[in-house]
Amino acid sequence: MRQAALIAGAAATALVAAGAITYAVAGDDGSGRTPSAESADAGFARDMAVHHQQAVEMSYIVRDRTKDEEVRRLAYDIAQTQANQRGMMLGWLDLWGLPKVSSEPPMTWMDMGGMASGKDGALMPGMATNTELKKLGELSGKQAEIFYLQLMTDHHKGGIHMAEGCVEKCTVGVEKRLAQGMVDAQQSEIGLMADLLKERGAAPRS
């Protein structure tokens, strides 16, 4: 319980800090230039906004499928944090005057466009398939908790990989800092979810 509270507090602090500088992001690479549509900065913002949207969706599904307060609290924290971060990234695209949708495959900015097959709705590594989302919506109680924690662990691993790519490739300072914050927070949440799975006699899928 204490670990979950610490994670939630850290996430809230990061959101306040990031929100305060959302509207100053455009020239934060030090050059006064805004990113191009093909840049890592724009690619990460577009792709992570899509990735985050599914995490929000999964979190609201499980919140209605269980009465367990710890899982419901974690799901709510993930939904709120990622919805806010998604809003920031879409806001940056607006500030940069760039489209929110690209004709290029997801993760092309990471030179990994070929990995995003879109099979059964999973547009990027770590994302749940449409079949898995349907199954989550049909489970309840402990089984819903376990499946959500397993899906979200995979989701976080995929998100961390993308965020690390932005830390390496993005040029806008505030976006790189947000990406590093995602890495740190989601690694902590993976540890928490492993503990919650163990308490339920289960383990991560990979």
N, C-alpha and C. Protein backbone atom coordinates (compact mmCIF):
# COMPACT_ATOMS: atom_id res chain seq x y z
N MET A 1 0.83 -1.19 0.00
CA MET A 1 0.00 0.00 0.00
C MET A 1 0.87 1.25 0.00
N ARG A 2 1.92 1.23 0.84
CA ARG A 2 2.80 2.39 0.94
C ARG A 2 3.53 2.61 -0.38
N GLN A 3 3.96 1.50 -1.04
CA GLN A 3 4.66 1.64 -2.33
C GLN A 3 3.74 2.26 -3.37
N ALA A 4 2.47 1.84 -3.39
CA ALA A 4 1.53 2.40 -4.35
C ALA A 4 1.33 3.88 -4.12
N ALA A 5 1.27 4.28 -2.85
CA ALA A 5 1.09 5.70 -2.53
C ALA A 5 2.29 6.52 -2.97
N LEU A 6 3.49 5.97 -2.77
CA LEU A 6 4.70 6.68 -3.19
C LEU A 6 4.74 6.85 -4.70
N ILE A 7 4.38 5.79 -5.44
CA ILE A 7 4.36 5.87 -6.89
C ILE A 7 3.34 6.91 -7.35
N ALA A 8 2.16 6.89 -6.74
CA ALA A 8 1.13 7.85 -7.13
C ALA A 8 1.58 9.28 -6.85
N GLY A 9 2.23 9.49 -5.70
CA GLY A 9 2.71 10.82 -5.35
C GLY A 9 3.77 11.31 -6.31
N ALA A 10 4.68 10.42 -6.69
CA ALA A 10 5.73 10.79 -7.63
C ALA A 10 5.14 11.12 -8.99
N ALA A 11 4.14 10.35 -9.40
CA ALA A 11 3.51 10.61 -10.70
C ALA A 11 2.80 11.96 -10.69
N ALA A 12 2.11 12.27 -9.59
CA ALA A 12 1.41 13.55 -9.51
C ALA A 12 2.38 14.71 -9.55
N THR A 13 3.51 14.59 -8.84
CA THR A 13 4.52 15.64 -8.85
C THR A 13 5.08 15.86 -10.25
N ALA A 14 5.33 14.76 -10.95
CA ALA A 14 5.86 14.86 -12.31
C ALA A 14 4.86 15.53 -13.23
N LEU A 15 3.57 15.24 -13.06
CA LEU A 15 2.56 15.85 -13.91
C LEU A 15 2.47 17.34 -13.69
N VAL A 16 2.53 17.77 -12.44
CA VAL A 16 2.49 19.20 -12.14
C VAL A 16 3.67 19.92 -12.77
N ALA A 17 4.86 19.33 -12.61
CA ALA A 17 6.06 19.94 -13.17
C ALA A 17 6.00 20.00 -14.69
N ALA A 18 5.56 18.90 -15.30
CA ALA A 18 5.49 18.87 -16.76
C ALA A 18 4.41 19.82 -17.27
N GLY A 19 3.28 19.87 -16.57
CA GLY A 19 2.21 20.74 -16.99
C GLY A 19 2.60 22.21 -16.96
N ALA A 20 3.45 22.57 -16.02
CA ALA A 20 3.87 23.97 -15.90
C ALA A 20 4.70 24.43 -17.08
N ILE A 21 5.32 23.48 -17.80
CA ILE A 21 6.18 23.87 -18.93
C ILE A 21 5.66 23.36 -20.26
N THR A 22 4.43 22.85 -20.27
CA THR A 22 3.87 22.32 -21.51
C THR A 22 3.90 23.36 -22.62
N TYR A 23 3.56 24.59 -22.31
CA TYR A 23 3.41 25.60 -23.35
C TYR A 23 4.72 26.31 -23.67
N ALA A 24 5.81 25.88 -23.06
CA ALA A 24 7.12 26.47 -23.38
C ALA A 24 7.99 25.49 -24.14
N VAL A 25 7.37 24.41 -24.64
CA VAL A 25 8.16 23.30 -25.17
C VAL A 25 8.70 23.55 -26.57
N ALA A 26 8.06 24.42 -27.36
CA ALA A 26 8.31 24.46 -28.80
C ALA A 26 9.77 24.64 -29.18
N GLY A 27 10.49 25.52 -28.53
CA GLY A 27 11.89 25.75 -28.91
C GLY A 27 12.88 25.22 -27.91
N ASP A 28 12.51 24.18 -27.18
CA ASP A 28 13.33 23.74 -26.06
C ASP A 28 14.52 22.88 -26.47
N ASP A 29 14.78 22.76 -27.77
CA ASP A 29 16.00 22.06 -28.17
C ASP A 29 17.19 23.01 -28.19
N GLY A 30 16.94 24.28 -27.84
CA GLY A 30 18.02 25.26 -27.77
C GLY A 30 18.29 25.96 -29.08
N SER A 31 17.62 25.53 -30.16
CA SER A 31 17.88 26.11 -31.47
C SER A 31 16.81 27.11 -31.88
N GLY A 32 15.69 27.11 -31.18
CA GLY A 32 14.57 27.95 -31.57
C GLY A 32 13.74 27.34 -32.68
N ARG A 33 14.11 26.14 -33.15
CA ARG A 33 13.36 25.47 -34.21
C ARG A 33 12.36 24.50 -33.60
N THR A 34 11.27 24.29 -34.29
CA THR A 34 10.32 23.27 -33.87
C THR A 34 10.62 21.98 -34.62
N PRO A 35 10.27 20.83 -34.04
CA PRO A 35 10.57 19.54 -34.70
C PRO A 35 9.82 19.38 -36.01
N SER A 36 10.35 18.54 -36.89
CA SER A 36 9.68 18.22 -38.14
C SER A 36 8.72 17.05 -37.93
N ALA A 37 7.84 16.84 -38.90
CA ALA A 37 6.87 15.75 -38.80
C ALA A 37 7.53 14.39 -38.74
N GLU A 38 8.75 14.27 -39.31
CA GLU A 38 9.46 12.99 -39.34
C GLU A 38 10.42 12.81 -38.17
N SER A 39 10.49 13.79 -37.29
CA SER A 39 11.46 13.75 -36.18
C SER A 39 11.08 12.72 -35.13
N ALA A 40 12.06 12.34 -34.32
CA ALA A 40 11.79 11.45 -33.18
C ALA A 40 10.83 12.11 -32.20
N ASP A 41 10.96 13.44 -32.04
CA ASP A 41 10.09 14.16 -31.09
C ASP A 41 8.63 14.01 -31.48
N ALA A 42 8.33 14.22 -32.77
CA ALA A 42 6.95 14.10 -33.24
C ALA A 42 6.50 12.64 -33.24
N GLY A 43 7.37 11.74 -33.67
CA GLY A 43 7.02 10.32 -33.72
C GLY A 43 6.70 9.76 -32.34
N PHE A 44 7.53 10.13 -31.36
CA PHE A 44 7.28 9.66 -30.00
C PHE A 44 5.96 10.21 -29.48
N ALA A 45 5.72 11.50 -29.69
CA ALA A 45 4.48 12.11 -29.20
C ALA A 45 3.26 11.43 -29.80
N ARG A 46 3.31 11.16 -31.11
CA ARG A 46 2.17 10.50 -31.76
C ARG A 46 1.99 9.07 -31.26
N ASP A 47 3.07 8.31 -31.27
CA ASP A 47 2.98 6.89 -30.93
C ASP A 47 2.64 6.68 -29.46
N MET A 48 3.27 7.46 -28.58
CA MET A 48 3.01 7.26 -27.16
C MET A 48 1.60 7.72 -26.78
N ALA A 49 1.07 8.69 -27.50
CA ALA A 49 -0.31 9.10 -27.25
C ALA A 49 -1.27 7.93 -27.53
N VAL A 50 -1.01 7.19 -28.60
CA VAL A 50 -1.83 6.00 -28.93
C VAL A 50 -1.61 4.91 -27.88
N HIS A 51 -0.36 4.67 -27.53
CA HIS A 51 -0.01 3.65 -26.55
C HIS A 51 -0.69 3.96 -25.20
N HIS A 52 -0.60 5.22 -24.78
CA HIS A 52 -1.22 5.64 -23.51
C HIS A 52 -2.73 5.46 -23.54
N GLN A 53 -3.36 5.75 -24.67
CA GLN A 53 -4.81 5.66 -24.74
C GLN A 53 -5.30 4.26 -24.40
N GLN A 54 -4.57 3.24 -24.85
CA GLN A 54 -4.98 1.88 -24.53
C GLN A 54 -4.81 1.58 -23.04
N ALA A 55 -3.74 2.11 -22.44
CA ALA A 55 -3.55 1.89 -21.00
C ALA A 55 -4.71 2.50 -20.21
N VAL A 56 -5.17 3.67 -20.63
CA VAL A 56 -6.32 4.31 -19.98
C VAL A 56 -7.55 3.43 -20.13
N GLU A 57 -7.75 2.92 -21.34
CA GLU A 57 -8.91 2.06 -21.61
C GLU A 57 -8.88 0.81 -20.74
N MET A 58 -7.75 0.13 -20.68
CA MET A 58 -7.65 -1.09 -19.87
C MET A 58 -7.88 -0.80 -18.40
N SER A 59 -7.37 0.33 -17.94
CA SER A 59 -7.48 0.67 -16.52
C SER A 59 -8.93 0.93 -16.12
N TYR A 60 -9.69 1.59 -16.99
CA TYR A 60 -11.09 1.82 -16.67
C TYR A 60 -11.91 0.54 -16.78
N ILE A 61 -11.51 -0.37 -17.67
CA ILE A 61 -12.20 -1.66 -17.75
C ILE A 61 -12.06 -2.41 -16.42
N VAL A 62 -10.82 -2.54 -15.92
CA VAL A 62 -10.62 -3.35 -14.71
C VAL A 62 -11.20 -2.66 -13.49
N ARG A 63 -11.23 -1.34 -13.49
CA ARG A 63 -11.80 -0.64 -12.33
C ARG A 63 -13.27 -1.02 -12.14
N ASP A 64 -13.94 -1.35 -13.24
CA ASP A 64 -15.35 -1.74 -13.15
C ASP A 64 -15.54 -3.25 -13.01
N ARG A 65 -14.43 -4.02 -13.02
CA ARG A 65 -14.53 -5.47 -12.99
C ARG A 65 -14.05 -6.07 -11.67
N THR A 66 -13.60 -5.22 -10.74
CA THR A 66 -13.12 -5.72 -9.45
C THR A 66 -13.50 -4.75 -8.35
N LYS A 67 -13.58 -5.28 -7.14
CA LYS A 67 -13.82 -4.43 -5.97
C LYS A 67 -12.54 -4.27 -5.14
N ASP A 68 -11.44 -4.87 -5.58
CA ASP A 68 -10.18 -4.80 -4.83
C ASP A 68 -9.66 -3.37 -4.87
N GLU A 69 -9.52 -2.76 -3.69
CA GLU A 69 -9.17 -1.34 -3.63
C GLU A 69 -7.76 -1.05 -4.12
N GLU A 70 -6.82 -1.97 -3.88
CA GLU A 70 -5.44 -1.71 -4.29
C GLU A 70 -5.31 -1.72 -5.82
N VAL A 71 -5.94 -2.69 -6.46
CA VAL A 71 -5.89 -2.75 -7.92
C VAL A 71 -6.67 -1.59 -8.52
N ARG A 72 -7.81 -1.25 -7.94
CA ARG A 72 -8.60 -0.12 -8.44
C ARG A 72 -7.82 1.19 -8.32
N ARG A 73 -7.09 1.34 -7.20
CA ARG A 73 -6.30 2.56 -7.00
C ARG A 73 -5.17 2.64 -8.02
N LEU A 74 -4.47 1.51 -8.23
CA LEU A 74 -3.40 1.49 -9.22
C LEU A 74 -3.95 1.81 -10.61
N ALA A 75 -5.07 1.19 -10.97
CA ALA A 75 -5.67 1.42 -12.29
C ALA A 75 -6.05 2.89 -12.45
N TYR A 76 -6.62 3.47 -11.40
CA TYR A 76 -7.01 4.89 -11.48
C TYR A 76 -5.78 5.78 -11.64
N ASP A 77 -4.73 5.49 -10.89
CA ASP A 77 -3.49 6.29 -10.99
C ASP A 77 -2.89 6.20 -12.39
N ILE A 78 -2.86 4.98 -12.95
CA ILE A 78 -2.32 4.80 -14.30
C ILE A 78 -3.17 5.56 -15.31
N ALA A 79 -4.50 5.43 -15.18
CA ALA A 79 -5.40 6.11 -16.12
C ALA A 79 -5.22 7.62 -16.06
N GLN A 80 -5.17 8.19 -14.86
CA GLN A 80 -5.05 9.64 -14.73
C GLN A 80 -3.70 10.13 -15.23
N THR A 81 -2.63 9.44 -14.83
CA THR A 81 -1.29 9.85 -15.24
C THR A 81 -1.14 9.81 -16.75
N GLN A 82 -1.56 8.70 -17.35
CA GLN A 82 -1.33 8.54 -18.79
C GLN A 82 -2.29 9.40 -19.61
N ALA A 83 -3.49 9.66 -19.10
CA ALA A 83 -4.40 10.57 -19.81
C ALA A 83 -3.81 11.98 -19.84
N ASN A 84 -3.23 12.41 -18.72
CA ASN A 84 -2.62 13.74 -18.65
C ASN A 84 -1.39 13.82 -19.55
N GLN A 85 -0.56 12.80 -19.52
CA GLN A 85 0.63 12.80 -20.38
C GLN A 85 0.23 12.79 -21.85
N ARG A 86 -0.81 12.03 -22.18
CA ARG A 86 -1.30 11.99 -23.56
C ARG A 86 -1.75 13.38 -24.00
N GLY A 87 -2.45 14.07 -23.12
CA GLY A 87 -2.89 15.42 -23.45
C GLY A 87 -1.71 16.36 -23.70
N MET A 88 -0.65 16.22 -22.91
CA MET A 88 0.54 17.05 -23.12
C MET A 88 1.17 16.78 -24.48
N MET A 89 1.29 15.50 -24.83
CA MET A 89 1.95 15.16 -26.09
C MET A 89 1.14 15.62 -27.30
N LEU A 90 -0.18 15.48 -27.23
CA LEU A 90 -1.02 15.98 -28.31
C LEU A 90 -0.96 17.51 -28.36
N GLY A 91 -0.86 18.14 -27.19
CA GLY A 91 -0.73 19.59 -27.15
C GLY A 91 0.56 20.07 -27.80
N TRP A 92 1.64 19.32 -27.59
CA TRP A 92 2.91 19.69 -28.22
C TRP A 92 2.80 19.60 -29.73
N LEU A 93 2.15 18.56 -30.24
CA LEU A 93 1.97 18.44 -31.68
C LEU A 93 1.20 19.63 -32.23
N ASP A 94 0.19 20.08 -31.47
CA ASP A 94 -0.55 21.28 -31.87
C ASP A 94 0.36 22.50 -31.91
N LEU A 95 1.17 22.66 -30.86
CA LEU A 95 2.09 23.80 -30.79
C LEU A 95 3.09 23.79 -31.94
N TRP A 96 3.51 22.59 -32.33
CA TRP A 96 4.47 22.45 -33.41
C TRP A 96 3.82 22.54 -34.78
N GLY A 97 2.48 22.56 -34.81
CA GLY A 97 1.77 22.60 -36.08
C GLY A 97 1.91 21.32 -36.87
N LEU A 98 1.99 20.19 -36.17
CA LEU A 98 2.22 18.90 -36.82
C LEU A 98 0.99 18.01 -36.71
N PRO A 99 0.79 17.11 -37.68
CA PRO A 99 -0.37 16.20 -37.62
C PRO A 99 -0.26 15.20 -36.48
N LYS A 100 -1.39 14.80 -35.96
CA LYS A 100 -1.43 13.81 -34.88
C LYS A 100 -1.42 12.38 -35.42
N VAL A 101 -1.60 12.24 -36.73
CA VAL A 101 -1.59 10.92 -37.38
C VAL A 101 -0.58 10.97 -38.51
N SER A 102 0.18 9.89 -38.66
CA SER A 102 1.20 9.82 -39.70
C SER A 102 0.90 8.67 -40.65
N SER A 103 1.28 8.83 -41.91
CA SER A 103 1.13 7.74 -42.88
C SER A 103 2.21 6.67 -42.69
N GLU A 104 3.26 7.02 -41.94
CA GLU A 104 4.33 6.06 -41.67
C GLU A 104 3.88 5.05 -40.61
N PRO A 105 4.39 3.82 -40.65
CA PRO A 105 4.05 2.84 -39.60
C PRO A 105 4.52 3.34 -38.22
N PRO A 106 3.83 2.94 -37.15
CA PRO A 106 4.29 3.30 -35.81
C PRO A 106 5.73 2.87 -35.57
N MET A 107 6.45 3.66 -34.80
CA MET A 107 7.83 3.39 -34.38
C MET A 107 8.84 3.51 -35.51
N THR A 108 8.43 4.10 -36.65
CA THR A 108 9.39 4.36 -37.72
C THR A 108 10.51 5.27 -37.24
N TRP A 109 10.18 6.19 -36.35
CA TRP A 109 11.19 7.13 -35.81
C TRP A 109 12.26 6.39 -35.00
N MET A 110 11.97 5.16 -34.58
CA MET A 110 12.94 4.33 -33.87
C MET A 110 13.61 3.33 -34.80
N ASP A 111 13.33 3.46 -36.11
CA ASP A 111 13.81 2.48 -37.10
C ASP A 111 13.27 1.10 -36.80
N MET A 112 12.03 1.06 -36.28
CA MET A 112 11.40 -0.21 -35.93
C MET A 112 10.00 -0.31 -36.53
N GLY A 113 9.75 0.42 -37.61
CA GLY A 113 8.42 0.42 -38.20
C GLY A 113 7.93 -0.96 -38.61
N GLY A 114 8.84 -1.83 -39.00
CA GLY A 114 8.46 -3.16 -39.43
C GLY A 114 7.96 -4.04 -38.30
N MET A 115 8.25 -3.67 -37.03
CA MET A 115 7.82 -4.50 -35.89
C MET A 115 6.37 -4.26 -35.53
N ALA A 116 5.81 -3.16 -35.98
CA ALA A 116 4.45 -2.80 -35.60
C ALA A 116 3.48 -3.36 -36.62
N SER A 117 3.10 -4.59 -36.45
CA SER A 117 2.29 -5.28 -37.46
C SER A 117 0.82 -4.89 -37.40
N GLY A 118 0.37 -4.44 -36.24
CA GLY A 118 -1.04 -4.13 -36.09
C GLY A 118 -1.91 -5.38 -35.98
N LYS A 119 -1.31 -6.53 -35.72
CA LYS A 119 -2.05 -7.79 -35.65
C LYS A 119 -3.09 -7.74 -34.54
N ASP A 120 -4.34 -7.99 -34.92
CA ASP A 120 -5.46 -8.01 -33.97
C ASP A 120 -5.49 -6.74 -33.13
N GLY A 121 -5.17 -5.61 -33.74
CA GLY A 121 -5.30 -4.32 -33.07
C GLY A 121 -4.11 -3.90 -32.25
N ALA A 122 -3.10 -4.75 -32.09
CA ALA A 122 -1.91 -4.39 -31.30
C ALA A 122 -0.95 -3.63 -32.20
N LEU A 123 -1.01 -2.30 -32.17
CA LEU A 123 -0.26 -1.47 -33.11
C LEU A 123 1.23 -1.38 -32.80
N MET A 124 1.59 -1.59 -31.52
CA MET A 124 2.98 -1.46 -31.10
C MET A 124 3.30 -2.54 -30.08
N PRO A 125 4.60 -2.90 -29.94
CA PRO A 125 4.98 -3.91 -28.94
C PRO A 125 4.46 -3.55 -27.55
N GLY A 126 3.94 -4.57 -26.86
CA GLY A 126 3.40 -4.36 -25.52
C GLY A 126 1.92 -4.10 -25.49
N MET A 127 1.36 -3.65 -26.62
CA MET A 127 -0.07 -3.34 -26.62
C MET A 127 -0.90 -4.62 -26.62
N ALA A 128 -2.04 -4.57 -25.95
CA ALA A 128 -2.96 -5.70 -25.91
C ALA A 128 -3.67 -5.82 -27.26
N THR A 129 -4.04 -7.03 -27.61
CA THR A 129 -4.82 -7.26 -28.83
C THR A 129 -6.30 -6.98 -28.55
N ASN A 130 -7.09 -6.89 -29.61
CA ASN A 130 -8.53 -6.71 -29.44
C ASN A 130 -9.13 -7.91 -28.71
N THR A 131 -8.61 -9.10 -28.99
CA THR A 131 -9.10 -10.30 -28.30
C THR A 131 -8.83 -10.23 -26.81
N GLU A 132 -7.64 -9.75 -26.45
CA GLU A 132 -7.29 -9.63 -25.02
C GLU A 132 -8.15 -8.58 -24.32
N LEU A 133 -8.40 -7.47 -24.99
CA LEU A 133 -9.26 -6.44 -24.40
C LEU A 133 -10.67 -6.97 -24.18
N LYS A 134 -11.17 -7.74 -25.14
CA LYS A 134 -12.51 -8.33 -25.00
C LYS A 134 -12.53 -9.29 -23.81
N LYS A 135 -11.49 -10.10 -23.69
CA LYS A 135 -11.42 -11.05 -22.57
C LYS A 135 -11.38 -10.32 -21.23
N LEU A 136 -10.60 -9.23 -21.15
CA LEU A 136 -10.51 -8.47 -19.90
C LEU A 136 -11.90 -7.96 -19.50
N GLY A 137 -12.67 -7.54 -20.48
CA GLY A 137 -14.00 -7.03 -20.19
C GLY A 137 -15.00 -8.09 -19.79
N GLU A 138 -14.64 -9.35 -19.99
CA GLU A 138 -15.54 -10.46 -19.64
C GLU A 138 -15.18 -11.10 -18.31
N LEU A 139 -13.97 -10.86 -17.81
CA LEU A 139 -13.54 -11.43 -16.53
C LEU A 139 -14.02 -10.55 -15.37
N SER A 140 -13.94 -11.09 -14.18
CA SER A 140 -14.30 -10.29 -13.00
C SER A 140 -13.50 -10.79 -11.80
N GLY A 141 -13.46 -9.96 -10.77
CA GLY A 141 -12.79 -10.34 -9.53
C GLY A 141 -11.31 -10.63 -9.72
N LYS A 142 -10.85 -11.67 -9.03
CA LYS A 142 -9.42 -12.02 -9.02
C LYS A 142 -8.88 -12.29 -10.43
N GLN A 143 -9.68 -12.95 -11.28
CA GLN A 143 -9.21 -13.27 -12.63
C GLN A 143 -9.02 -12.01 -13.46
N ALA A 144 -9.90 -11.04 -13.29
CA ALA A 144 -9.75 -9.76 -13.99
C ALA A 144 -8.51 -9.03 -13.49
N GLU A 145 -8.28 -9.08 -12.19
CA GLU A 145 -7.11 -8.41 -11.61
C GLU A 145 -5.82 -9.00 -12.19
N ILE A 146 -5.73 -10.33 -12.20
CA ILE A 146 -4.53 -11.00 -12.69
C ILE A 146 -4.29 -10.67 -14.16
N PHE A 147 -5.34 -10.76 -14.97
CA PHE A 147 -5.16 -10.52 -16.40
C PHE A 147 -4.78 -9.07 -16.68
N TYR A 148 -5.41 -8.15 -15.95
CA TYR A 148 -5.06 -6.73 -16.10
C TYR A 148 -3.60 -6.49 -15.73
N LEU A 149 -3.16 -7.03 -14.61
CA LEU A 149 -1.78 -6.83 -14.16
C LEU A 149 -0.79 -7.42 -15.16
N GLN A 150 -1.14 -8.56 -15.75
CA GLN A 150 -0.27 -9.16 -16.76
C GLN A 150 -0.24 -8.31 -18.04
N LEU A 151 -1.41 -7.87 -18.49
CA LEU A 151 -1.47 -7.04 -19.69
C LEU A 151 -0.74 -5.72 -19.48
N MET A 152 -0.93 -5.11 -18.31
CA MET A 152 -0.32 -3.81 -18.06
C MET A 152 1.19 -3.92 -17.88
N THR A 153 1.65 -5.04 -17.34
CA THR A 153 3.09 -5.26 -17.24
C THR A 153 3.71 -5.30 -18.64
N ASP A 154 3.09 -6.06 -19.55
CA ASP A 154 3.57 -6.11 -20.93
C ASP A 154 3.50 -4.72 -21.57
N HIS A 155 2.41 -4.02 -21.31
CA HIS A 155 2.20 -2.68 -21.87
C HIS A 155 3.29 -1.73 -21.41
N HIS A 156 3.59 -1.76 -20.12
CA HIS A 156 4.64 -0.90 -19.57
C HIS A 156 6.00 -1.23 -20.17
N LYS A 157 6.28 -2.51 -20.36
CA LYS A 157 7.57 -2.88 -20.94
C LYS A 157 7.71 -2.30 -22.35
N GLY A 158 6.65 -2.37 -23.14
CA GLY A 158 6.68 -1.76 -24.46
C GLY A 158 6.81 -0.25 -24.39
N GLY A 159 6.11 0.36 -23.44
CA GLY A 159 6.18 1.81 -23.27
C GLY A 159 7.56 2.27 -22.83
N ILE A 160 8.18 1.52 -21.94
CA ILE A 160 9.53 1.86 -21.48
C ILE A 160 10.51 1.82 -22.65
N HIS A 161 10.38 0.81 -23.51
CA HIS A 161 11.26 0.70 -24.67
C HIS A 161 11.14 1.94 -25.56
N MET A 162 9.91 2.38 -25.79
CA MET A 162 9.70 3.58 -26.61
C MET A 162 10.22 4.83 -25.92
N ALA A 163 9.96 4.94 -24.62
CA ALA A 163 10.41 6.12 -23.89
C ALA A 163 11.93 6.20 -23.86
N GLU A 164 12.60 5.05 -23.72
CA GLU A 164 14.06 5.04 -23.78
C GLU A 164 14.55 5.49 -25.15
N GLY A 165 13.79 5.15 -26.20
CA GLY A 165 14.13 5.61 -27.54
C GLY A 165 14.06 7.11 -27.66
N CYS A 166 13.07 7.72 -27.00
CA CYS A 166 12.96 9.18 -27.02
C CYS A 166 14.09 9.82 -26.22
N VAL A 167 14.42 9.24 -25.08
CA VAL A 167 15.53 9.78 -24.29
C VAL A 167 16.80 9.83 -25.13
N GLU A 168 16.97 8.83 -25.98
CA GLU A 168 18.16 8.75 -26.83
C GLU A 168 18.07 9.66 -28.05
N LYS A 169 16.87 9.73 -28.69
CA LYS A 169 16.76 10.34 -30.00
C LYS A 169 16.08 11.71 -30.03
N CYS A 170 15.21 11.99 -29.07
CA CYS A 170 14.48 13.27 -29.10
C CYS A 170 15.44 14.44 -28.84
N THR A 171 15.06 15.61 -29.34
CA THR A 171 15.91 16.80 -29.16
C THR A 171 15.27 17.84 -28.25
N VAL A 172 13.96 17.77 -28.06
CA VAL A 172 13.27 18.74 -27.20
C VAL A 172 13.46 18.35 -25.74
N GLY A 173 14.08 19.24 -24.99
CA GLY A 173 14.48 18.88 -23.63
C GLY A 173 13.35 18.44 -22.73
N VAL A 174 12.23 19.15 -22.75
CA VAL A 174 11.13 18.80 -21.84
C VAL A 174 10.52 17.46 -22.22
N GLU A 175 10.54 17.13 -23.51
CA GLU A 175 10.01 15.84 -23.94
C GLU A 175 10.94 14.70 -23.51
N LYS A 176 12.23 14.92 -23.62
CA LYS A 176 13.20 13.92 -23.15
C LYS A 176 13.04 13.69 -21.65
N ARG A 177 12.80 14.76 -20.89
CA ARG A 177 12.63 14.62 -19.44
C ARG A 177 11.34 13.90 -19.11
N LEU A 178 10.27 14.18 -19.86
CA LEU A 178 9.03 13.45 -19.64
C LEU A 178 9.23 11.97 -19.95
N ALA A 179 9.94 11.67 -21.03
CA ALA A 179 10.19 10.27 -21.40
C ALA A 179 10.98 9.55 -20.31
N GLN A 180 11.98 10.21 -19.75
CA GLN A 180 12.75 9.59 -18.67
C GLN A 180 11.87 9.38 -17.44
N GLY A 181 10.98 10.32 -17.18
CA GLY A 181 10.04 10.15 -16.07
C GLY A 181 9.12 8.96 -16.28
N MET A 182 8.71 8.74 -17.54
CA MET A 182 7.89 7.56 -17.84
C MET A 182 8.66 6.28 -17.56
N VAL A 183 9.93 6.24 -17.98
CA VAL A 183 10.75 5.06 -17.73
C VAL A 183 10.81 4.76 -16.23
N ASP A 184 11.12 5.78 -15.44
CA ASP A 184 11.27 5.59 -13.99
C ASP A 184 9.97 5.15 -13.34
N ALA A 185 8.87 5.83 -13.66
CA ALA A 185 7.59 5.53 -13.03
C ALA A 185 7.08 4.15 -13.43
N GLN A 186 7.20 3.82 -14.72
CA GLN A 186 6.66 2.54 -15.16
C GLN A 186 7.50 1.36 -14.69
N GLN A 187 8.81 1.56 -14.54
CA GLN A 187 9.62 0.50 -13.94
C GLN A 187 9.19 0.24 -12.50
N SER A 188 8.90 1.29 -11.77
CA SER A 188 8.41 1.13 -10.39
C SER A 188 7.07 0.41 -10.36
N GLU A 189 6.18 0.78 -11.30
CA GLU A 189 4.88 0.14 -11.34
C GLU A 189 4.98 -1.33 -11.74
N ILE A 190 5.94 -1.67 -12.59
CA ILE A 190 6.14 -3.09 -12.94
C ILE A 190 6.50 -3.89 -11.69
N GLY A 191 7.35 -3.31 -10.84
CA GLY A 191 7.70 -3.98 -9.59
C GLY A 191 6.49 -4.15 -8.69
N LEU A 192 5.67 -3.12 -8.59
CA LEU A 192 4.46 -3.20 -7.77
C LEU A 192 3.51 -4.25 -8.33
N MET A 193 3.35 -4.28 -9.66
CA MET A 193 2.43 -5.25 -10.26
C MET A 193 2.93 -6.68 -10.09
N ALA A 194 4.24 -6.88 -10.10
CA ALA A 194 4.79 -8.21 -9.84
C ALA A 194 4.41 -8.67 -8.43
N ASP A 195 4.48 -7.75 -7.47
CA ASP A 195 4.09 -8.08 -6.09
C ASP A 195 2.60 -8.41 -6.01
N LEU A 196 1.77 -7.62 -6.69
CA LEU A 196 0.33 -7.87 -6.66
C LEU A 196 -0.02 -9.20 -7.32
N LEU A 197 0.69 -9.53 -8.40
CA LEU A 197 0.47 -10.83 -9.04
C LEU A 197 0.88 -11.97 -8.11
N LYS A 198 2.00 -11.82 -7.45
CA LYS A 198 2.47 -12.87 -6.53
C LYS A 198 1.46 -13.10 -5.41
N GLU A 199 0.87 -12.02 -4.91
CA GLU A 199 -0.13 -12.14 -3.85
C GLU A 199 -1.36 -12.93 -4.34
N ARG A 200 -1.56 -12.96 -5.64
CA ARG A 200 -2.70 -13.65 -6.22
C ARG A 200 -2.32 -15.00 -6.82
N GLY A 201 -1.11 -15.47 -6.51
CA GLY A 201 -0.66 -16.77 -6.98
C GLY A 201 -0.37 -16.80 -8.47
N ALA A 202 0.01 -15.64 -9.04
CA ALA A 202 0.27 -15.55 -10.47
C ALA A 202 1.60 -14.85 -10.70
N ALA A 203 1.97 -14.70 -11.97
CA ALA A 203 3.23 -14.08 -12.33
C ALA A 203 3.07 -13.36 -13.66
N PRO A 204 3.99 -12.44 -13.98
CA PRO A 204 3.95 -11.81 -15.31
C PRO A 204 4.05 -12.86 -16.41
N ARG A 205 3.54 -12.54 -17.58
CA ARG A 205 3.54 -13.49 -18.69
C ARG A 205 4.93 -13.66 -19.30
N SER A 206 5.78 -12.64 -19.15
CA SER A 206 7.12 -12.73 -19.73
C SER A 206 8.11 -11.98 -18.86
